[in-house]
């Protein structure tokens, strides 16, 4: 198995964040909480916080002295030790509607914790030290020492706990205080729980490599700078996670739970093995990372793996349908298509590879561009189809294969019959395992290869893939891999990737009338509409050129004003009144206002009045986030990020929000004039779940109330037009203070139009900084064919135009900014005109709906394009040149139809009509 998962030997990242706080998701993620200074457990807590295992509170504090309840502890232990089996428990104070019900059944099955003689479990009772000693002793199966524990207060402990206290003391897991006491009846605090579990796991794993950290909450994990040492196996089990600046000594599993979502590794070294078992067509990004052995094995569907920056992969083994891209600067030494790949699976390769080995049969392999040094087909790998648009330096074929496409093959060694090639190689020789008169079909003609050109031995597989035949064509020479002429441009899809709605400070359409005295149990009207899940335009299972990673822009559910029709809420199992208090950093309570909340489980949104800093609201059980406060006294909007759980009608902890100190900021253009009225959006960058904050800009001024941490200004929103300007400005809040006087780079004006001079509809451009490792994507509004850039000096690729009618057009414009000006002069982008075509069924009727894929012909690094077909009609926006139609994706029947069709564009027009007839199967 890839990772040894002993049920008693794993730690779950995020379990502590659920069980120990139960968790402020946007709070102090780095281990620099001010209340840890001088704390005896600072080192362990800081390390766990830096690795994303536990979070602090929204006010920046960790609160190490807060106690832990029995229910919280069961959830933590079950996840940390992998207990999943349940056993019925007849405790009279729990029911199936409780949030902790299944966890207590799991604890009952595991047998590490028991109830009381009166039949209760007391889930909300705080755990004390003697109880925790017994639980740890049972978990680790410790033996009580012969001698009684030498603590002064041991007589205060119960008889049933003395042996366990002695056992955990002997192992160094729990220790006494400096005065020689154990304090058996004292409640166990957050700090003690972290340290005790850390020690317990160290004892458990002293002679084992089965210690696993699991990341199961979306967010960014790892320090902002420097490197974090992770001495264990690591599992990523959900999408939306970035691991950065880590040295992982164990194995890494990107698990099935990622599904079709995205995961990113940024500057991560994995010394063990890496397995990719989840992800979709835009999914796994490996940037500036070093991986030894990588296995791709997704049970259903295809996964896209992109190696970029300075990423190095020694051996990449593919065991399922996949698209692999090795972009300029990255290095994949050996890529092996394993026999485990299902027949008829589709494999797409793009970029530079030192060696590619095929051990599987009946695959559809597409090489869309780039260079491969050596390409080897094993003698067991028969009946494969290869579409080649790349440059293969040397290819050895020990089994029959069909090769189509105009890609180049420098030297081809034939060591089997049944080989067909559309394009003749530069050199053709035969091996020793075939007759001297073996025939090769080239461009439809059978040719006999001269025996005198036979290679001395059969070809060997290159690299550490294992299995297969021996011998090679001599290889080994160093060949310079040409860099692509341009950074690949994303496939133009007719709909935008998603223009997200920014997190706006919610302002009700009609300002609610403040309630002078809050009703004791004001049941609010749920002002919520569940966030809609967009129906994606059907697309082929993979793409040939890299599409931009979707930005994690905040999305806000529209607030439904009173009287509106609200989507039905799910059945409420339990609910109750939650009360709370909000005050400022100076101790003054917020006067009156409206508080806005969201239930994370179904995105239902609520509001409730706030009076003299107090609020009361009736809520069903579930996880909640308080995200905004609107003061009706000062008319200010305060962006918040505070989470809590409602369990059995009660908040898991006192909802006491301390609003951090206010940070005043300004934003102006390079000439000193203030930015127009609008909104500013920032994202928290510290390890842990993502936190978003927004503030209103008035006359170039804005205010935030941010806890200490690292942030990036994601975007500005123009007040009059609602257009978004994506910028990237990093800043830090220390002791409540920050320099937020932002000055935009000089404005660069640009023009964009179609090649015939006709104007471009309003829309936006997507621009990527070519050498950026993080935060390098900009989105710029286009208004009446004009756009303004505010870019720092650097190299950029203008790669996508999205216009108002939802068409997306791939671009390939590169610009360099020097001293605030474009180095090549004014930016004037000319967009090709639309080229229209039709797809018909064989009987002459228009084909329904799907996606048509084409690629540039005759280039080393071709760009690929996609167009949506609606009622048989499609449009492309293509510069002059020659193109190949790759395939059509039939949306109705969910199948791919290969098409062998070429066409040419001259002066913006098709040389011949692009009408495609689909043959009847």
Foldseek 3Di string as FASTA:
>chain_A
DQADAQLQAEAEALLCCCQAPVHQFPEQQALPQPVCVVPPLSVLVRLCSQQRRHGDFQQSHNPQFAFGFQLSVLSRNCRGRVQQDFDDAQQPPDDPQFPSVSSVRSCVVLVLDDDDPVRHNRRGHFDFQLSVLSSLCSSLVFFFDPDWDFAPCLVVDDPVRRSSVRRCVVLVLADCDPVRHRRRGHGQGNSSVSSSVVSSSCVVPVPHQNYEYEYEFAAEHHFPDAAREAAHEYEYQDANYEYERYEYAEEYEDAQNNAAHAYEYYAYEYNYEYEYAHHAQQYYEYENYEHEEYEYHHPDFEHEYEYDHQYEYAEYEYQEAYEYEDAPNYEYEEYEDDQNYDAAHEYEYEEEYAEYEYPHERYEYEYQFFEYAEYEYFLNHEHYEYEDPAEYAEYEYNYAYEYHYDHEYAEYEYNYANHEYAYDYNYYAYEDNDDQQHWYHYNRDTDGHHSVRYADHHDDGDHDPDDGDHHRRPGPDDDDTDHDPFQFFAFWELFPPDDADAPDLDADPDHDDADQDFDPEDAWDFQFAFDDDDDDDDDPRYDRHRYDDDDPHDHATDGHHPPDDHDDDDDFPAKAKEKAFEDEPVGAGQAKWKWKKAFVVGRTITIFIAHRRMTMYIDGWGKMWTAWIQRPVVRFIAGGTTIWTQTRHYTSDHHYHYQADKEKEFEDEPVRAGDAWWKWKKWFRRPGHIDIGMWTAHRRMTMYRGHWGKMWTQWTAHPPPRDIKGDTDIWTADNNYTHRYHYFFHKAKAFEQAPVRHWAAKWWWWKAFPPDSPSGIIIWTAHRGMTIDRDDFGKMFGFWTAHDVRTIAGDGDIFGADNRYTPVDHHYHHWFDKAKAFEAEPVGFGQAWWKWKKWAGDRNRIHIYIWIAHRGMTIHTDDWHKMFTAWIQRPVVRDIGGDGDIWTADPRYTPDHHYHYDYDD
